[in-house]
Amino acid sequence: MSPPPDHAIVIENLCKTYRSRDGKERPPALKSVSFTVPRGSMFALLGPNGAGKSTLINVMAGLVVKSSGRVSIWGHDLDDDPRQARRAIGIVPQELNLDPFFSPRETLEVQAGYYGIPKAERRTDEILEAVGLADKATAYARTLSGGMRRRLLIAKAMVHNPQILVLDEPTAGVDVELRRHLWETIREMNAHGRTILLTTHYLEEAQDNCESIAILRHGALVACESREGLLARLTDKVVEVRFAAPLAGIPPALAAFAPVASGADRLAFRVTRGDGGVPALLNALPNCGLAVADISTTEPDLEEVFLRLTREDTERP
């Protein structure tokens, strides 16, 4: 048996252009996208609606034919060895595409049949136990809650024991408690060596769970690096000062810092880290003639990086 690859997914110069019904080419859905997903990692693929995320996932799943470029999944080239490439990946779609009259056990048995897995080698009950549905194994899928149906989709994707799971908006429409349970399941699978590729509009999920993050905009890759590297792109932070009494205006001693009123008794200052901005502000506060009640700081988060990289008023790549 060959050793596992260092990279679970390799995308090189991937392009996809759809044609309209009249034969004319549309704007490219993917423009020379290249990135790698390390084996055993949790990797986020982010972008606004229409950025090309679904097209890229469908190419990996073999549902969309790429225009050009190379895709390797678990060391198997999608063109040269499509069967093994597809067996190495499990797709958990955003849509709840379940037969309402099948039980979870029947759903997994049918899925195993699609992959030609002999009955003696099926792991139906083990998988249901892993996703917390063992006690619902014989219930109709239509009676399951939204969170349980999400877990059943994950179970379907695990039937053929893929090394890679692609989760497309796994917590969309799920309440806070069920979201927490889903993430416990996802982290446990990752801890057992499964590579996770995630798309989500809940950016805090990507920031909290993924080591590496790629961002698409208009079909092009605008960033692909570690979470820490992305956050380090923003060199400023917000310092909010709450004063002991309401403000009549901006004190002259603080005007140079260009503060913004964030309440009747508070000012917000955007300062640059590492250039003395915070110490300079702290030195100026005693000279403003007002008593300070509290000071808090807010570090930049992934949402702010995302918005700066994908907003429409920036130059398109």
C-alpha atoms as a PDB file:
ATOM      1  CA  MET A   1       0.000   0.000   0.000  1.00  0.00           C
ATOM      2  CA  SER A   2       1.391   3.388  -0.987  1.00  0.00           C
ATOM      3  CA  PRO A   3       1.924   5.971   1.764  1.00  0.00           C
ATOM      4  CA  PRO A   4      -0.710   8.721   2.089  1.00  0.00           C
ATOM      5  CA  PRO A   5       0.052  11.954   0.219  1.00  0.00           C
ATOM      6  CA  ASP A   6       1.227  15.087   2.014  1.00  0.00           C
ATOM      7  CA  HIS A   7      -1.618  17.022   0.422  1.00  0.00           C
ATOM      8  CA  ALA A   8      -5.170  15.701   0.432  1.00  0.00           C
ATOM      9  CA  ILE A   9      -6.193  18.033  -2.403  1.00  0.00           C
ATOM     10  CA  VAL A  10      -4.070  19.738  -5.042  1.00  0.00           C
ATOM     11  CA  ILE A  11      -5.684  22.317  -7.344  1.00  0.00           C
ATOM     12  CA  GLU A  12      -3.500  23.743 -10.128  1.00  0.00           C
ATOM     13  CA  ASN A  13      -4.580  26.499 -12.532  1.00  0.00           C
ATOM     14  CA  LEU A  14      -8.187  25.341 -12.422  1.00  0.00           C
ATOM     15  CA  CYS A  15     -10.453  27.133 -14.897  1.00  0.00           C
ATOM     16  CA  LYS A  16     -14.120  26.709 -15.690  1.00  0.00           C
ATOM     17  CA  THR A  17     -16.218  28.650 -18.163  1.00  0.00           C
ATOM     18  CA  TYR A  18     -19.849  27.765 -18.746  1.00  0.00           C
ATOM     19  CA  ARG A  19     -21.531  28.277 -22.097  1.00  0.00           C
ATOM     20  CA  SER A  20     -24.987  29.781 -22.407  1.00  0.00           C
ATOM     21  CA  ARG A  21     -27.740  28.098 -24.406  1.00  0.00           C
ATOM     22  CA  ASP A  22     -26.910  30.161 -27.467  1.00  0.00           C
ATOM     23  CA  GLY A  23     -23.327  28.859 -27.376  1.00  0.00           C
ATOM     24  CA  LYS A  24     -21.718  32.060 -26.139  1.00  0.00           C
ATOM     25  CA  GLU A  25     -19.213  31.906 -23.324  1.00  0.00           C
ATOM     26  CA  ARG A  26     -20.117  33.418 -19.987  1.00  0.00           C
ATOM     27  CA  PRO A  27     -17.619  35.151 -17.699  1.00  0.00           C
ATOM     28  CA  PRO A  28     -15.308  32.511 -16.166  1.00  0.00           C
ATOM     29  CA  ALA A  29     -16.657  30.818 -13.055  1.00  0.00           C
ATOM     30  CA  LEU A  30     -13.094  29.879 -12.044  1.00  0.00           C
ATOM     31  CA  LYS A  31      -9.948  31.716 -13.140  1.00  0.00           C
ATOM     32  CA  SER A  32      -6.636  29.827 -12.769  1.00  0.00           C
ATOM     33  CA  VAL A  33      -7.315  28.800  -9.164  1.00  0.00           C
ATOM     34  CA  SER A  34      -4.415  27.045  -7.412  1.00  0.00           C
ATOM     35  CA  PHE A  35      -4.104  25.871  -3.808  1.00  0.00           C
ATOM     36  CA  THR A  36      -3.342  22.771  -1.741  1.00  0.00           C
ATOM     37  CA  VAL A  37      -5.113  21.274   1.261  1.00  0.00           C
ATOM     38  CA  PRO A  38      -2.703  19.530   3.669  1.00  0.00           C
ATOM     39  CA  ARG A  39      -3.599  15.997   4.712  1.00  0.00           C
ATOM     40  CA  GLY A  40      -5.447  15.864   8.034  1.00  0.00           C
ATOM     41  CA  SER A  41      -6.158  19.587   8.130  1.00  0.00           C
ATOM     42  CA  MET A  42      -9.325  21.623   8.467  1.00  0.00           C
ATOM     43  CA  PHE A  43      -9.403  23.988   5.499  1.00  0.00           C
ATOM     44  CA  ALA A  44     -11.948  26.744   4.790  1.00  0.00           C
ATOM     45  CA  LEU A  45     -12.989  27.805   1.292  1.00  0.00           C
ATOM     46  CA  LEU A  46     -14.732  31.158   1.606  1.00  0.00           C
ATOM     47  CA  GLY A  47     -16.262  33.698  -0.729  1.00  0.00           C
ATOM     48  CA  PRO A  48     -19.442  35.680  -1.324  1.00  0.00           C
ATOM     49  CA  ASN A  49     -22.335  34.177  -3.275  1.00  0.00           C
ATOM     50  CA  GLY A  50     -21.308  33.595  -6.886  1.00  0.00           C
ATOM     51  CA  ALA A  51     -17.589  33.520  -6.104  1.00  0.00           C
ATOM     52  CA  GLY A  52     -17.116  30.016  -7.566  1.00  0.00           C
ATOM     53  CA  LYS A  53     -17.136  27.825  -4.450  1.00  0.00           C
ATOM     54  CA  SER A  54     -19.903  25.504  -5.630  1.00  0.00           C
ATOM     55  CA  THR A  55     -18.341  25.163  -9.071  1.00  0.00           C
ATOM     56  CA  LEU A  56     -15.009  24.189  -7.525  1.00  0.00           C
ATOM     57  CA  ILE A  57     -16.640  21.607  -5.248  1.00  0.00           C
ATOM     58  CA  ASN A  58     -18.657  20.170  -8.132  1.00  0.00           C
ATOM     59  CA  VAL A  59     -15.481  19.817 -10.204  1.00  0.00           C
ATOM     60  CA  MET A  60     -13.837  17.853  -7.370  1.00  0.00           C
ATOM     61  CA  ALA A  61     -16.948  15.683  -7.032  1.00  0.00           C
ATOM     62  CA  GLY A  62     -16.958  14.910 -10.754  1.00  0.00           C
ATOM     63  CA  LEU A  63     -20.301  16.669 -11.312  1.00  0.00           C
ATOM     64  CA  VAL A  64     -18.847  19.490 -13.426  1.00  0.00           C
ATOM     65  CA  VAL A  65     -16.208  19.094 -16.142  1.00  0.00           C
ATOM     66  CA  LYS A  66     -13.393  21.606 -15.770  1.00  0.00           C
ATOM     67  CA  SER A  67     -12.281  23.709 -18.726  1.00  0.00           C
ATOM     68  CA  SER A  68      -8.583  23.358 -17.905  1.00  0.00           C
ATOM     69  CA  GLY A  69      -6.159  22.823 -15.049  1.00  0.00           C
ATOM     70  CA  ARG A  70      -5.374  19.905 -12.780  1.00  0.00           C
ATOM     71  CA  VAL A  71      -7.159  18.389  -9.775  1.00  0.00           C
ATOM     72  CA  SER A  72      -5.598  15.708  -7.581  1.00  0.00           C
ATOM     73  CA  ILE A  73      -7.554  14.128  -4.742  1.00  0.00           C
ATOM     74  CA  TRP A  74      -5.629  11.982  -2.261  1.00  0.00           C
ATOM     75  CA  GLY A  75      -2.886  11.519  -4.853  1.00  0.00           C
ATOM     76  CA  HIS A  76      -5.277  10.476  -7.643  1.00  0.00           C
ATOM     77  CA  ASP A  77      -5.456  12.701 -10.714  1.00  0.00           C
ATOM     78  CA  LEU A  78      -9.086  13.440 -11.546  1.00  0.00           C
ATOM     79  CA  ASP A  79      -8.428  12.941 -15.275  1.00  0.00           C
ATOM     80  CA  ASP A  80      -6.202   9.860 -15.094  1.00  0.00           C
ATOM     81  CA  ASP A  81      -7.915   8.013 -12.221  1.00  0.00           C
ATOM     82  CA  PRO A  82     -11.394   9.491 -11.744  1.00  0.00           C
ATOM     83  CA  ARG A  83     -12.863   6.469  -9.945  1.00  0.00           C
ATOM     84  CA  GLN A  84     -10.262   6.458  -7.158  1.00  0.00           C
ATOM     85  CA  ALA A  85     -10.298  10.254  -6.930  1.00  0.00           C
ATOM     86  CA  ARG A  86     -14.050  10.264  -6.337  1.00  0.00           C
ATOM     87  CA  ARG A  87     -13.891   7.411  -3.852  1.00  0.00           C
ATOM     88  CA  ALA A  88     -11.442   9.447  -1.760  1.00  0.00           C
ATOM     89  CA  ILE A  89     -13.902  12.300  -1.256  1.00  0.00           C
ATOM     90  CA  GLY A  90     -17.286  12.593   0.430  1.00  0.00           C
ATOM     91  CA  ILE A  91     -19.497  15.602  -0.300  1.00  0.00           C
ATOM     92  CA  VAL A  92     -21.979  16.890   2.279  1.00  0.00           C
ATOM     93  CA  PRO A  93     -24.267  19.224   0.297  1.00  0.00           C
ATOM     94  CA  GLN A  94     -26.035  22.260   1.654  1.00  0.00           C
ATOM     95  CA  GLU A  95     -29.417  21.003   0.470  1.00  0.00           C
ATOM     96  CA  LEU A  96     -31.208  18.392   2.571  1.00  0.00           C
ATOM     97  CA  ASN A  97     -31.479  15.805  -0.224  1.00  0.00           C
ATOM     98  CA  LEU A  98     -32.907  12.907   1.778  1.00  0.00           C
ATOM     99  CA  ASP A  99     -35.741  10.504   1.004  1.00  0.00           C
ATOM    100  CA  PRO A 100     -38.319  11.317   3.705  1.00  0.00           C
ATOM    101  CA  PHE A 101     -39.645   7.742   3.771  1.00  0.00           C
ATOM    102  CA  PHE A 102     -36.254   6.077   4.352  1.00  0.00           C
ATOM    103  CA  SER A 103     -34.861   5.562   7.811  1.00  0.00           C
ATOM    104  CA  PRO A 104     -31.238   6.576   8.519  1.00  0.00           C
ATOM    105  CA  ARG A 105     -30.214   2.913   8.378  1.00  0.00           C
ATOM    106  CA  GLU A 106     -31.957   2.399   5.033  1.00  0.00           C
ATOM    107  CA  THR A 107     -30.456   5.623   3.696  1.00  0.00           C
ATOM    108  CA  LEU A 108     -26.922   4.458   4.462  1.00  0.00           C
ATOM    109  CA  GLU A 109     -27.560   0.955   3.130  1.00  0.00           C
ATOM    110  CA  VAL A 110     -28.788   2.353  -0.194  1.00  0.00           C
ATOM    111  CA  GLN A 111     -25.797   4.711  -0.374  1.00  0.00           C
ATOM    112  CA  ALA A 112     -23.438   1.801   0.297  1.00  0.00           C
ATOM    113  CA  GLY A 113     -25.093  -0.088  -2.550  1.00  0.00           C
ATOM    114  CA  TYR A 114     -24.363   2.798  -4.917  1.00  0.00           C
ATOM    115  CA  TYR A 115     -20.665   2.428  -4.088  1.00  0.00           C
ATOM    116  CA  GLY A 116     -20.769  -1.343  -4.498  1.00  0.00           C
ATOM    117  CA  ILE A 117     -19.766  -2.003  -0.899  1.00  0.00           C
ATOM    118  CA  PRO A 118     -20.476  -5.669   0.032  1.00  0.00           C
ATOM    119  CA  LYS A 119     -22.910  -6.105   2.911  1.00  0.00           C
ATOM    120  CA  ALA A 120     -20.254  -7.796   5.029  1.00  0.00           C
ATOM    121  CA  GLU A 121     -18.058  -4.670   4.765  1.00  0.00           C
ATOM    122  CA  ARG A 122     -20.690  -2.038   5.482  1.00  0.00           C
ATOM    123  CA  ARG A 123     -20.347   0.100   8.614  1.00  0.00           C
ATOM    124  CA  THR A 124     -23.889   1.429   8.843  1.00  0.00           C
ATOM    125  CA  ASP A 125     -24.437   1.127  12.582  1.00  0.00           C
ATOM    126  CA  GLU A 126     -20.893   2.288  13.360  1.00  0.00           C
ATOM    127  CA  ILE A 127     -21.396   5.439  11.284  1.00  0.00           C
ATOM    128  CA  LEU A 128     -24.806   6.175  12.827  1.00  0.00           C
ATOM    129  CA  GLU A 129     -23.221   5.849  16.255  1.00  0.00           C
ATOM    130  CA  ALA A 130     -20.398   8.216  15.234  1.00  0.00           C
ATOM    131  CA  VAL A 131     -22.838  10.975  14.201  1.00  0.00           C
ATOM    132  CA  GLY A 132     -25.169  10.476  17.164  1.00  0.00           C
ATOM    133  CA  LEU A 133     -28.076   8.879  15.295  1.00  0.00           C
ATOM    134  CA  ALA A 134     -27.933   5.329  16.617  1.00  0.00           C
ATOM    135  CA  ASP A 135     -31.186   5.800  18.538  1.00  0.00           C
ATOM    136  CA  LYS A 136     -32.908   7.109  15.388  1.00  0.00           C
ATOM    137  CA  ALA A 137     -31.688   4.334  13.088  1.00  0.00           C
ATOM    138  CA  THR A 138     -35.208   3.093  12.221  1.00  0.00           C
ATOM    139  CA  ALA A 139     -37.094   6.403  12.299  1.00  0.00           C
ATOM    140  CA  TYR A 140     -38.385   7.979   9.095  1.00  0.00           C
ATOM    141  CA  ALA A 141     -36.059  10.726   7.880  1.00  0.00           C
ATOM    142  CA  ARG A 142     -39.036  13.109   7.725  1.00  0.00           C
ATOM    143  CA  THR A 143     -39.400  12.877  11.516  1.00  0.00           C
ATOM    144  CA  LEU A 144     -35.818  13.978  12.198  1.00  0.00           C
ATOM    145  CA  SER A 145     -34.989  17.491  13.321  1.00  0.00           C
ATOM    146  CA  GLY A 146     -32.991  19.812  11.071  1.00  0.00           C
ATOM    147  CA  GLY A 147     -29.788  19.130  12.980  1.00  0.00           C
ATOM    148  CA  MET A 148     -30.317  15.366  12.808  1.00  0.00           C
ATOM    149  CA  ARG A 149     -30.846  15.580   9.048  1.00  0.00           C
ATOM    150  CA  ARG A 150     -27.567  17.493   8.741  1.00  0.00           C
ATOM    151  CA  ARG A 151     -25.821  14.714  10.659  1.00  0.00           C
ATOM    152  CA  LEU A 152     -27.470  12.120   8.433  1.00  0.00           C
ATOM    153  CA  LEU A 153     -26.014  13.903   5.384  1.00  0.00           C
ATOM    154  CA  ILE A 154     -22.580  13.639   6.997  1.00  0.00           C
ATOM    155  CA  ALA A 155     -23.218   9.945   7.635  1.00  0.00           C
ATOM    156  CA  LYS A 156     -24.148   9.435   3.952  1.00  0.00           C
ATOM    157  CA  ALA A 157     -20.882  11.018   2.879  1.00  0.00           C
ATOM    158  CA  MET A 158     -18.935   8.688   5.195  1.00  0.00           C
ATOM    159  CA  VAL A 159     -20.422   5.426   3.863  1.00  0.00           C
ATOM    160  CA  HIS A 160     -17.506   4.681   1.523  1.00  0.00           C
ATOM    161  CA  ASN A 161     -14.955   5.726   4.177  1.00  0.00           C
ATOM    162  CA  PRO A 162     -13.474   8.698   2.271  1.00  0.00           C
ATOM    163  CA  GLN A 163     -10.277  10.323   3.477  1.00  0.00           C
ATOM    164  CA  ILE A 164     -11.682  13.782   2.678  1.00  0.00           C
ATOM    165  CA  LEU A 165     -15.010  15.313   3.675  1.00  0.00           C
ATOM    166  CA  VAL A 166     -16.266  18.442   1.925  1.00  0.00           C
ATOM    167  CA  LEU A 167     -18.860  20.242   4.028  1.00  0.00           C
ATOM    168  CA  ASP A 168     -20.898  22.799   2.087  1.00  0.00           C
ATOM    169  CA  GLU A 169     -22.545  25.156   4.607  1.00  0.00           C
ATOM    170  CA  PRO A 170     -23.014  22.332   7.161  1.00  0.00           C
ATOM    171  CA  THR A 171     -24.689  24.526   9.789  1.00  0.00           C
ATOM    172  CA  ALA A 172     -26.969  26.613   7.561  1.00  0.00           C
ATOM    173  CA  GLY A 173     -30.356  27.035   9.212  1.00  0.00           C
ATOM    174  CA  VAL A 174     -29.311  25.163  12.362  1.00  0.00           C
ATOM    175  CA  ASP A 175     -29.904  26.576  15.839  1.00  0.00           C
ATOM    176  CA  VAL A 176     -27.064  27.306  18.260  1.00  0.00           C
ATOM    177  CA  GLU A 177     -27.298  24.056  20.241  1.00  0.00           C
ATOM    178  CA  LEU A 178     -27.424  21.814  17.178  1.00  0.00           C
ATOM    179  CA  ARG A 179     -24.593  23.789  15.594  1.00  0.00           C
ATOM    180  CA  ARG A 180     -22.462  23.017  18.628  1.00  0.00           C
ATOM    181  CA  HIS A 181     -23.247  19.287  18.337  1.00  0.00           C
ATOM    182  CA  LEU A 182     -22.448  19.280  14.621  1.00  0.00           C
ATOM    183  CA  TRP A 183     -19.089  20.912  15.238  1.00  0.00           C
ATOM    184  CA  GLU A 184     -18.283  18.367  17.943  1.00  0.00           C
ATOM    185  CA  THR A 185     -18.903  15.641  15.346  1.00  0.00           C
ATOM    186  CA  ILE A 186     -16.789  17.404  12.702  1.00  0.00           C
ATOM    187  CA  ARG A 187     -13.866  18.002  15.071  1.00  0.00           C
ATOM    188  CA  GLU A 188     -13.935  14.388  16.216  1.00  0.00           C
ATOM    189  CA  MET A 189     -13.742  13.164  12.615  1.00  0.00           C
ATOM    190  CA  ASN A 190     -10.824  15.499  11.981  1.00  0.00           C
ATOM    191  CA  ALA A 191      -9.097  14.277  15.156  1.00  0.00           C
ATOM    192  CA  HIS A 192      -9.274  10.747  13.724  1.00  0.00           C
ATOM    193  CA  GLY A 193      -7.335  11.864  10.639  1.00  0.00           C
ATOM    194  CA  ARG A 194     -10.034  12.851   8.194  1.00  0.00           C
ATOM    195  CA  THR A 195      -9.314  15.956   6.121  1.00  0.00           C
ATOM    196  CA  ILE A 196     -12.116  18.539   6.249  1.00  0.00           C
ATOM    197  CA  LEU A 197     -12.786  21.157   3.568  1.00  0.00           C
ATOM    198  CA  LEU A 198     -15.439  23.614   4.714  1.00  0.00           C
ATOM    199  CA  THR A 199     -17.481  26.310   3.026  1.00  0.00           C
ATOM    200  CA  THR A 200     -19.486  28.582   5.306  1.00  0.00           C
ATOM    201  CA  HIS A 201     -20.928  32.054   5.588  1.00  0.00           C
ATOM    202  CA  TYR A 202     -20.453  31.874   9.366  1.00  0.00           C
ATOM    203  CA  LEU A 203     -16.931  33.267   9.317  1.00  0.00           C
ATOM    204  CA  GLU A 204     -16.405  32.707  13.037  1.00  0.00           C
ATOM    205  CA  GLU A 205     -16.671  28.957  12.352  1.00  0.00           C
ATOM    206  CA  ALA A 206     -13.788  29.153   9.901  1.00  0.00           C
ATOM    207  CA  GLN A 207     -11.742  31.360  12.238  1.00  0.00           C
ATOM    208  CA  ASP A 208     -12.288  29.090  15.233  1.00  0.00           C
ATOM    209  CA  ASN A 209     -11.735  25.736  13.521  1.00  0.00           C
ATOM    210  CA  CYS A 210      -9.655  25.988  10.346  1.00  0.00           C
ATOM    211  CA  GLU A 211      -5.864  26.206  10.179  1.00  0.00           C
ATOM    212  CA  SER A 212      -5.794  27.419   6.565  1.00  0.00           C
ATOM    213  CA  ILE A 213      -8.238  29.589   4.642  1.00  0.00           C
ATOM    214  CA  ALA A 214      -8.744  30.325   0.932  1.00  0.00           C
ATOM    215  CA  ILE A 215     -10.936  33.188  -0.277  1.00  0.00           C
ATOM    216  CA  LEU A 216     -12.487  33.392  -3.737  1.00  0.00           C
ATOM    217  CA  ARG A 217     -13.908  36.477  -5.433  1.00  0.00           C
ATOM    218  CA  HIS A 218     -15.341  36.539  -8.954  1.00  0.00           C
ATOM    219  CA  GLY A 219     -13.849  33.082  -9.582  1.00  0.00           C
ATOM    220  CA  ALA A 220     -10.301  34.122  -8.661  1.00  0.00           C
ATOM    221  CA  LEU A 221      -8.291  33.277  -5.570  1.00  0.00           C
ATOM    222  CA  VAL A 222      -7.594  36.475  -3.631  1.00  0.00           C
ATOM    223  CA  ALA A 223      -6.008  34.832  -0.570  1.00  0.00           C
ATOM    224  CA  CYS A 224      -4.822  31.419   0.580  1.00  0.00           C
ATOM    225  CA  GLU A 225      -2.775  31.202   3.740  1.00  0.00           C
ATOM    226  CA  SER A 226      -2.852  30.299   7.401  1.00  0.00           C
ATOM    227  CA  ARG A 227      -5.497  31.812   9.655  1.00  0.00           C
ATOM    228  CA  GLU A 228      -2.778  33.688  11.515  1.00  0.00           C
ATOM    229  CA  GLY A 229      -1.340  35.014   8.272  1.00  0.00           C
ATOM    230  CA  LEU A 230      -4.695  36.371   7.152  1.00  0.00           C
ATOM    231  CA  LEU A 231      -5.384  38.064  10.471  1.00  0.00           C
ATOM    232  CA  ALA A 232      -1.885  39.575  10.451  1.00  0.00           C
ATOM    233  CA  ARG A 233      -2.797  41.431   7.242  1.00  0.00           C
ATOM    234  CA  LEU A 234      -4.729  43.891   9.379  1.00  0.00           C
ATOM    235  CA  THR A 235      -2.330  45.975  11.426  1.00  0.00           C
ATOM    236  CA  ASP A 236      -4.894  48.091  13.223  1.00  0.00           C
ATOM    237  CA  LYS A 237      -7.154  47.557  16.215  1.00  0.00           C
ATOM    238  CA  VAL A 238     -10.027  49.494  17.767  1.00  0.00           C
ATOM    239  CA  VAL A 239      -9.649  51.026  21.210  1.00  0.00           C
ATOM    240  CA  GLU A 240     -12.890  52.157  22.847  1.00  0.00           C
ATOM    241  CA  VAL A 241     -12.739  54.596  25.742  1.00  0.00           C
ATOM    242  CA  ARG A 242     -15.741  55.076  28.030  1.00  0.00           C
ATOM    243  CA  PHE A 243     -15.718  58.284  30.005  1.00  0.00           C
ATOM    244  CA  ALA A 244     -17.292  58.927  33.411  1.00  0.00           C
ATOM    245  CA  ALA A 245     -19.722  61.485  31.955  1.00  0.00           C
ATOM    246  CA  PRO A 246     -21.431  62.177  28.604  1.00  0.00           C
ATOM    247  CA  LEU A 247     -19.317  64.039  26.063  1.00  0.00           C
ATOM    248  CA  ALA A 248     -20.117  67.498  24.765  1.00  0.00           C
ATOM    249  CA  GLY A 249     -17.738  66.968  21.860  1.00  0.00           C
ATOM    250  CA  ILE A 250     -14.344  65.533  20.981  1.00  0.00           C
ATOM    251  CA  PRO A 251     -11.669  66.852  23.371  1.00  0.00           C
ATOM    252  CA  PRO A 252      -8.983  68.801  21.472  1.00  0.00           C
ATOM    253  CA  ALA A 253      -6.236  66.645  22.999  1.00  0.00           C
ATOM    254  CA  LEU A 254      -7.751  63.589  21.272  1.00  0.00           C
ATOM    255  CA  ALA A 255      -8.758  65.122  17.935  1.00  0.00           C
ATOM    256  CA  ALA A 256      -5.509  64.055  16.238  1.00  0.00           C
ATOM    257  CA  PHE A 257      -6.481  60.391  16.745  1.00  0.00           C
ATOM    258  CA  ALA A 258      -9.672  60.908  14.658  1.00  0.00           C
ATOM    259  CA  PRO A 259     -12.036  59.223  17.105  1.00  0.00           C
ATOM    260  CA  VAL A 260     -15.627  58.268  16.294  1.00  0.00           C
ATOM    261  CA  ALA A 261     -18.419  58.613  18.856  1.00  0.00           C
ATOM    262  CA  SER A 262     -19.688  55.113  19.709  1.00  0.00           C
ATOM    263  CA  GLY A 263     -22.084  56.273  22.416  1.00  0.00           C
ATOM    264  CA  ALA A 264     -22.991  59.342  24.443  1.00  0.00           C
ATOM    265  CA  ASP A 265     -20.077  58.733  26.781  1.00  0.00           C
ATOM    266  CA  ARG A 266     -17.585  56.831  24.593  1.00  0.00           C
ATOM    267  CA  LEU A 267     -15.171  57.279  21.733  1.00  0.00           C
ATOM    268  CA  ALA A 268     -13.687  54.624  19.421  1.00  0.00           C
ATOM    269  CA  PHE A 269     -10.124  55.020  18.133  1.00  0.00           C
ATOM    270  CA  ARG A 270      -8.623  52.978  15.277  1.00  0.00           C
ATOM    271  CA  VAL A 271      -4.918  52.675  15.979  1.00  0.00           C
ATOM    272  CA  THR A 272      -2.102  50.803  14.275  1.00  0.00           C
ATOM    273  CA  ARG A 273      -0.372  48.040  16.157  1.00  0.00           C
ATOM    274  CA  GLY A 274       3.386  48.256  16.452  1.00  0.00           C
ATOM    275  CA  ASP A 275       3.781  51.935  15.618  1.00  0.00           C
ATOM    276  CA  GLY A 276       3.233  53.333  19.092  1.00  0.00           C
ATOM    277  CA  GLY A 277      -0.427  54.121  18.429  1.00  0.00           C
ATOM    278  CA  VAL A 278      -1.794  52.662  21.650  1.00  0.00           C
ATOM    279  CA  PRO A 279       0.876  54.167  23.969  1.00  0.00           C
ATOM    280  CA  ALA A 280       0.418  57.545  22.305  1.00  0.00           C
ATOM    281  CA  LEU A 281      -3.320  57.387  22.882  1.00  0.00           C
ATOM    282  CA  LEU A 282      -2.890  56.352  26.504  1.00  0.00           C
ATOM    283  CA  ASN A 283      -0.457  59.231  27.060  1.00  0.00           C
ATOM    284  CA  ALA A 284      -2.957  61.693  25.581  1.00  0.00           C
ATOM    285  CA  LEU A 285      -5.945  60.615  27.659  1.00  0.00           C
ATOM    286  CA  PRO A 286      -4.835  62.314  30.938  1.00  0.00           C
ATOM    287  CA  ASN A 287      -4.608  65.617  29.044  1.00  0.00           C
ATOM    288  CA  CYS A 288      -8.167  65.535  27.685  1.00  0.00           C
ATOM    289  CA  GLY A 289      -9.683  66.873  30.903  1.00  0.00           C
ATOM    290  CA  LEU A 290     -12.151  64.000  31.316  1.00  0.00           C
ATOM    291  CA  ALA A 291     -12.239  61.080  33.728  1.00  0.00           C
ATOM    292  CA  VAL A 292     -11.892  57.687  32.052  1.00  0.00           C
ATOM    293  CA  ALA A 293     -14.248  54.958  33.294  1.00  0.00           C
ATOM    294  CA  ASP A 294     -13.129  52.051  31.112  1.00  0.00           C
ATOM    295  CA  ILE A 295     -10.903  51.095  28.158  1.00  0.00           C
ATOM    296  CA  SER A 296     -11.422  48.091  25.890  1.00  0.00           C
ATOM    297  CA  THR A 297      -9.714  46.889  22.725  1.00  0.00           C
ATOM    298  CA  THR A 298     -11.025  44.890  19.771  1.00  0.00           C
ATOM    299  CA  GLU A 299      -8.635  42.908  17.598  1.00  0.00           C
ATOM    300  CA  PRO A 300      -9.436  42.509  13.871  1.00  0.00           C
ATOM    301  CA  ASP A 301     -11.223  39.274  12.984  1.00  0.00           C
ATOM    302  CA  LEU A 302     -11.658  37.151   9.876  1.00  0.00           C
ATOM    303  CA  GLU A 303     -14.866  38.947   8.941  1.00  0.00           C
ATOM    304  CA  GLU A 304     -13.006  42.230   8.568  1.00  0.00           C
ATOM    305  CA  VAL A 305     -10.281  40.607   6.459  1.00  0.00           C
ATOM    306  CA  PHE A 306     -12.934  38.906   4.334  1.00  0.00           C
ATOM    307  CA  LEU A 307     -14.827  42.138   3.700  1.00  0.00           C
ATOM    308  CA  ARG A 308     -11.663  44.003   2.728  1.00  0.00           C
ATOM    309  CA  LEU A 309     -10.685  41.279   0.249  1.00  0.00           C
ATOM    310  CA  THR A 310     -14.112  40.787  -1.326  1.00  0.00           C
ATOM    311  CA  ARG A 311     -15.820  44.168  -1.303  1.00  0.00           C
ATOM    312  CA  GLU A 312     -16.887  45.444  -4.710  1.00  0.00           C
ATOM    313  CA  ASP A 313     -15.025  48.778  -4.562  1.00  0.00           C
ATOM    314  CA  THR A 314     -11.622  47.066  -4.688  1.00  0.00           C
ATOM    315  CA  GLU A 315      -9.928  46.352  -7.979  1.00  0.00           C
ATOM    316  CA  ARG A 316     -10.974  43.038  -9.418  1.00  0.00           C
ATOM    317  CA  PRO A 317      -8.198  40.491  -9.971  1.00  0.00           C
END
